[in-house]
Amino acid sequence: MKKVLIDTNVALDILLKRKDYPSAKVVYLLAEENKIIGYISASAITDIFYLAQKDLGKNPTKEALKDMFQVFKPATVTDSHIYQALDLEWSDFEDSVQFIVGEGLAVDYIVTRNTHDFSSSSIRSKLRCEIPAVTPEGFIKLITDSK
């Protein structure tokens, strides 16, 4: 079973039903149906809450996140993850934390709208392993093609 780390932007697509909601929802449904295992890093959850509550309100956001965590598991971020992310020296610290958390979970993919943030050659040269970053549409295609 494939394991994926869901990036902040994809979680927000789901919660806020943004224009890219349909493909993000399919990824959500795959996890809900236990066809994949999905995670969201704990460090992203605070950002997701902050941004979503601006549109939904505080209590509806809390309830929506509780529902989301029935499907996507919160992934712990430790002090070790933070130190490792700092050592990567990426321009986007949030993405480096996401990557390190995904590496610790041995995820197969990071599902994100910002694949370029995880794929530049300068980033890849500093990695111990490579986790492909794919859009929700790309991930759906990968899952569909592997059947």
C-alpha atoms as a PDB file:
ATOM      1  CA  MET A   1       0.000   0.000   0.000  1.00  0.00           C
ATOM      2  CA  LYS A   2       1.389   3.409  -0.981  1.00  0.00           C
ATOM      3  CA  LYS A   3       2.148   5.945   1.735  1.00  0.00           C
ATOM      4  CA  VAL A   4       1.870   9.650   0.942  1.00  0.00           C
ATOM      5  CA  LEU A   5       2.518  12.909   2.724  1.00  0.00           C
ATOM      6  CA  ILE A   6      -0.138  15.490   1.939  1.00  0.00           C
ATOM      7  CA  ASP A   7       1.242  19.014   1.577  1.00  0.00           C
ATOM      8  CA  THR A   8      -0.447  22.056   3.096  1.00  0.00           C
ATOM      9  CA  ASN A   9      -1.823  23.303  -0.227  1.00  0.00           C
ATOM     10  CA  VAL A  10      -3.598  20.022  -0.988  1.00  0.00           C
ATOM     11  CA  ALA A  11      -5.136  19.850   2.486  1.00  0.00           C
ATOM     12  CA  LEU A  12      -6.406  23.399   1.984  1.00  0.00           C
ATOM     13  CA  ASP A  13      -7.867  22.424  -1.409  1.00  0.00           C
ATOM     14  CA  ILE A  14      -9.904  19.784   0.424  1.00  0.00           C
ATOM     15  CA  LEU A  15     -10.974  21.885   3.405  1.00  0.00           C
ATOM     16  CA  LEU A  16     -11.813  25.032   1.448  1.00  0.00           C
ATOM     17  CA  LYS A  17     -13.068  23.282  -1.693  1.00  0.00           C
ATOM     18  CA  ARG A  18     -10.789  25.437  -3.805  1.00  0.00           C
ATOM     19  CA  LYS A  19     -10.651  25.183  -7.593  1.00  0.00           C
ATOM     20  CA  ASP A  20      -8.385  22.129  -7.397  1.00  0.00           C
ATOM     21  CA  TYR A  21     -10.749  20.384  -4.983  1.00  0.00           C
ATOM     22  CA  PRO A  22     -11.886  17.550  -7.307  1.00  0.00           C
ATOM     23  CA  SER A  23      -8.476  15.884  -7.674  1.00  0.00           C
ATOM     24  CA  ALA A  24      -7.525  16.542  -4.043  1.00  0.00           C
ATOM     25  CA  LYS A  25     -10.802  14.925  -2.991  1.00  0.00           C
ATOM     26  CA  VAL A  26      -9.940  11.791  -4.995  1.00  0.00           C
ATOM     27  CA  VAL A  27      -6.689  11.474  -3.011  1.00  0.00           C
ATOM     28  CA  TYR A  28      -8.712  11.927   0.172  1.00  0.00           C
ATOM     29  CA  LEU A  29     -11.150   9.211  -0.924  1.00  0.00           C
ATOM     30  CA  LEU A  30      -8.298   6.815  -1.708  1.00  0.00           C
ATOM     31  CA  ALA A  31      -7.105   7.208   1.886  1.00  0.00           C
ATOM     32  CA  GLU A  32     -10.639   6.987   3.259  1.00  0.00           C
ATOM     33  CA  GLU A  33     -11.114   3.705   1.382  1.00  0.00           C
ATOM     34  CA  ASN A  34      -7.788   2.421   2.796  1.00  0.00           C
ATOM     35  CA  LYS A  35      -6.216   2.182  -0.656  1.00  0.00           C
ATOM     36  CA  ILE A  36      -3.365   4.453   0.453  1.00  0.00           C
ATOM     37  CA  ILE A  37      -2.046   5.686   3.792  1.00  0.00           C
ATOM     38  CA  GLY A  38      -2.024   9.471   4.021  1.00  0.00           C
ATOM     39  CA  TYR A  39      -0.189  11.722   6.452  1.00  0.00           C
ATOM     40  CA  ILE A  40      -0.074  15.437   7.160  1.00  0.00           C
ATOM     41  CA  SER A  41       2.907  16.741   9.100  1.00  0.00           C
ATOM     42  CA  ALA A  42       2.103  18.286  12.458  1.00  0.00           C
ATOM     43  CA  SER A  43       4.032  21.399  11.464  1.00  0.00           C
ATOM     44  CA  ALA A  44       1.675  21.944   8.521  1.00  0.00           C
ATOM     45  CA  ILE A  45      -1.439  21.556  10.645  1.00  0.00           C
ATOM     46  CA  THR A  46      -1.003  24.909  12.367  1.00  0.00           C
ATOM     47  CA  ASP A  47      -0.677  26.644   8.987  1.00  0.00           C
ATOM     48  CA  ILE A  48      -3.692  24.759   7.649  1.00  0.00           C
ATOM     49  CA  PHE A  49      -5.761  25.763  10.680  1.00  0.00           C
ATOM     50  CA  TYR A  50      -4.677  29.410  10.493  1.00  0.00           C
ATOM     51  CA  LEU A  51      -5.519  29.737   6.802  1.00  0.00           C
ATOM     52  CA  ALA A  52      -8.733  27.691   6.832  1.00  0.00           C
ATOM     53  CA  GLN A  53     -10.261  29.433   9.854  1.00  0.00           C
ATOM     54  CA  LYS A  54     -10.068  32.748   7.978  1.00  0.00           C
ATOM     55  CA  ASP A  55     -12.647  31.373   5.533  1.00  0.00           C
ATOM     56  CA  LEU A  56     -14.544  28.840   7.615  1.00  0.00           C
ATOM     57  CA  GLY A  57     -14.343  30.247  11.138  1.00  0.00           C
ATOM     58  CA  LYS A  58     -12.621  28.755  14.163  1.00  0.00           C
ATOM     59  CA  ASN A  59     -15.077  26.039  15.247  1.00  0.00           C
ATOM     60  CA  PRO A  60     -15.997  24.809  11.745  1.00  0.00           C
ATOM     61  CA  THR A  61     -12.260  24.542  10.982  1.00  0.00           C
ATOM     62  CA  LYS A  62     -11.676  22.498  14.136  1.00  0.00           C
ATOM     63  CA  GLU A  63     -14.481  20.127  13.163  1.00  0.00           C
ATOM     64  CA  ALA A  64     -13.267  19.867   9.566  1.00  0.00           C
ATOM     65  CA  LEU A  65      -9.749  19.034  10.768  1.00  0.00           C
ATOM     66  CA  LYS A  66     -11.077  16.398  13.157  1.00  0.00           C
ATOM     67  CA  ASP A  67     -12.877  14.813  10.212  1.00  0.00           C
ATOM     68  CA  MET A  68      -9.764  15.056   8.029  1.00  0.00           C
ATOM     69  CA  PHE A  69      -7.691  13.312  10.700  1.00  0.00           C
ATOM     70  CA  GLN A  70     -10.005  10.327  10.548  1.00  0.00           C
ATOM     71  CA  VAL A  71      -8.519   9.844   7.060  1.00  0.00           C
ATOM     72  CA  PHE A  72      -5.065  11.479   7.016  1.00  0.00           C
ATOM     73  CA  LYS A  73      -2.910  10.768  10.048  1.00  0.00           C
ATOM     74  CA  PRO A  74      -1.065  13.634  11.749  1.00  0.00           C
ATOM     75  CA  ALA A  75       2.663  12.948  11.520  1.00  0.00           C
ATOM     76  CA  THR A  76       4.865  13.913  14.428  1.00  0.00           C
ATOM     77  CA  VAL A  77       7.563  16.520  13.910  1.00  0.00           C
ATOM     78  CA  THR A  78      10.450  16.107  16.326  1.00  0.00           C
ATOM     79  CA  ASP A  79      13.405  18.270  17.227  1.00  0.00           C
ATOM     80  CA  SER A  80      15.533  15.899  15.169  1.00  0.00           C
ATOM     81  CA  HIS A  81      13.353  16.577  12.109  1.00  0.00           C
ATOM     82  CA  ILE A  82      13.842  20.315  12.598  1.00  0.00           C
ATOM     83  CA  TYR A  83      17.635  20.023  12.882  1.00  0.00           C
ATOM     84  CA  GLN A  84      17.778  17.789   9.806  1.00  0.00           C
ATOM     85  CA  ALA A  85      15.589  20.228   7.871  1.00  0.00           C
ATOM     86  CA  LEU A  86      17.858  23.116   8.838  1.00  0.00           C
ATOM     87  CA  ASP A  87      20.848  21.145   7.566  1.00  0.00           C
ATOM     88  CA  LEU A  88      19.218  20.800   4.144  1.00  0.00           C
ATOM     89  CA  GLU A  89      19.522  24.574   3.668  1.00  0.00           C
ATOM     90  CA  TRP A  90      16.555  24.708   1.288  1.00  0.00           C
ATOM     91  CA  SER A  91      15.143  28.115   0.467  1.00  0.00           C
ATOM     92  CA  ASP A  92      11.706  27.034   1.757  1.00  0.00           C
ATOM     93  CA  PHE A  93      12.074  25.738   5.303  1.00  0.00           C
ATOM     94  CA  GLU A  94       8.496  24.408   5.444  1.00  0.00           C
ATOM     95  CA  ASP A  95       9.209  22.175   2.452  1.00  0.00           C
ATOM     96  CA  SER A  96      12.428  20.898   4.004  1.00  0.00           C
ATOM     97  CA  VAL A  97      10.520  19.937   7.169  1.00  0.00           C
ATOM     98  CA  GLN A  98       7.868  18.229   5.041  1.00  0.00           C
ATOM     99  CA  PHE A  99      10.542  16.267   3.203  1.00  0.00           C
ATOM    100  CA  ILE A 100      12.323  15.148   6.393  1.00  0.00           C
ATOM    101  CA  VAL A 101       9.041  14.060   7.977  1.00  0.00           C
ATOM    102  CA  GLY A 102       8.165  12.152   4.795  1.00  0.00           C
ATOM    103  CA  GLU A 103      11.570  10.514   4.781  1.00  0.00           C
ATOM    104  CA  GLY A 104      11.092   9.374   8.382  1.00  0.00           C
ATOM    105  CA  LEU A 105       7.728   7.867   7.478  1.00  0.00           C
ATOM    106  CA  ALA A 106       9.209   6.230   4.357  1.00  0.00           C
ATOM    107  CA  VAL A 107       6.467   7.750   2.210  1.00  0.00           C
ATOM    108  CA  ASP A 108       6.359   6.883  -1.448  1.00  0.00           C
ATOM    109  CA  TYR A 109       5.224  10.345  -2.574  1.00  0.00           C
ATOM    110  CA  ILE A 110       4.669  13.884  -1.411  1.00  0.00           C
ATOM    111  CA  VAL A 111       1.364  15.069  -2.870  1.00  0.00           C
ATOM    112  CA  THR A 112       1.624  18.802  -3.469  1.00  0.00           C
ATOM    113  CA  ARG A 113       0.640  21.578  -5.839  1.00  0.00           C
ATOM    114  CA  ASN A 114       4.219  22.877  -5.686  1.00  0.00           C
ATOM    115  CA  THR A 115       6.223  20.004  -7.120  1.00  0.00           C
ATOM    116  CA  HIS A 116       8.997  22.353  -8.234  1.00  0.00           C
ATOM    117  CA  ASP A 117       9.728  23.212  -4.580  1.00  0.00           C
ATOM    118  CA  PHE A 118      10.844  19.608  -4.035  1.00  0.00           C
ATOM    119  CA  SER A 119      12.563  18.890  -7.331  1.00  0.00           C
ATOM    120  CA  SER A 120      15.355  21.340  -8.173  1.00  0.00           C
ATOM    121  CA  SER A 121      18.798  19.856  -8.715  1.00  0.00           C
ATOM    122  CA  SER A 122      20.268  21.883  -5.836  1.00  0.00           C
ATOM    123  CA  ILE A 123      17.670  20.348  -3.528  1.00  0.00           C
ATOM    124  CA  ARG A 124      18.172  16.808  -4.788  1.00  0.00           C
ATOM    125  CA  SER A 125      21.940  17.032  -4.368  1.00  0.00           C
ATOM    126  CA  LYS A 126      21.518  17.409  -0.596  1.00  0.00           C
ATOM    127  CA  LEU A 127      19.126  14.507  -0.068  1.00  0.00           C
ATOM    128  CA  ARG A 128      19.833  11.124   1.436  1.00  0.00           C
ATOM    129  CA  CYS A 129      16.926   9.703  -0.560  1.00  0.00           C
ATOM    130  CA  GLU A 130      14.510  10.965  -3.141  1.00  0.00           C
ATOM    131  CA  ILE A 131      10.782  11.174  -2.553  1.00  0.00           C
ATOM    132  CA  PRO A 132       8.902  12.059  -5.727  1.00  0.00           C
ATOM    133  CA  ALA A 133       6.693  15.118  -5.406  1.00  0.00           C
ATOM    134  CA  VAL A 134       3.538  14.784  -7.487  1.00  0.00           C
ATOM    135  CA  THR A 135       0.367  16.756  -7.961  1.00  0.00           C
ATOM    136  CA  PRO A 136      -2.907  15.142  -6.932  1.00  0.00           C
ATOM    137  CA  GLU A 137      -3.644  14.585 -10.639  1.00  0.00           C
ATOM    138  CA  GLY A 138      -0.224  12.983 -11.154  1.00  0.00           C
ATOM    139  CA  PHE A 139      -0.693  10.757  -8.129  1.00  0.00           C
ATOM    140  CA  ILE A 140      -4.122   9.613  -9.314  1.00  0.00           C
ATOM    141  CA  LYS A 141      -2.600   8.753 -12.683  1.00  0.00           C
ATOM    142  CA  LEU A 142       0.222   6.786 -11.011  1.00  0.00           C
ATOM    143  CA  ILE A 143      -2.254   4.806  -8.917  1.00  0.00           C
ATOM    144  CA  THR A 144      -4.556   4.193 -11.871  1.00  0.00           C
ATOM    145  CA  ASP A 145      -1.697   3.147 -14.196  1.00  0.00           C
ATOM    146  CA  SER A 146      -0.288   0.702 -11.633  1.00  0.00           C
ATOM    147  CA  LYS A 147      -3.479  -1.371 -11.585  1.00  0.00           C
END
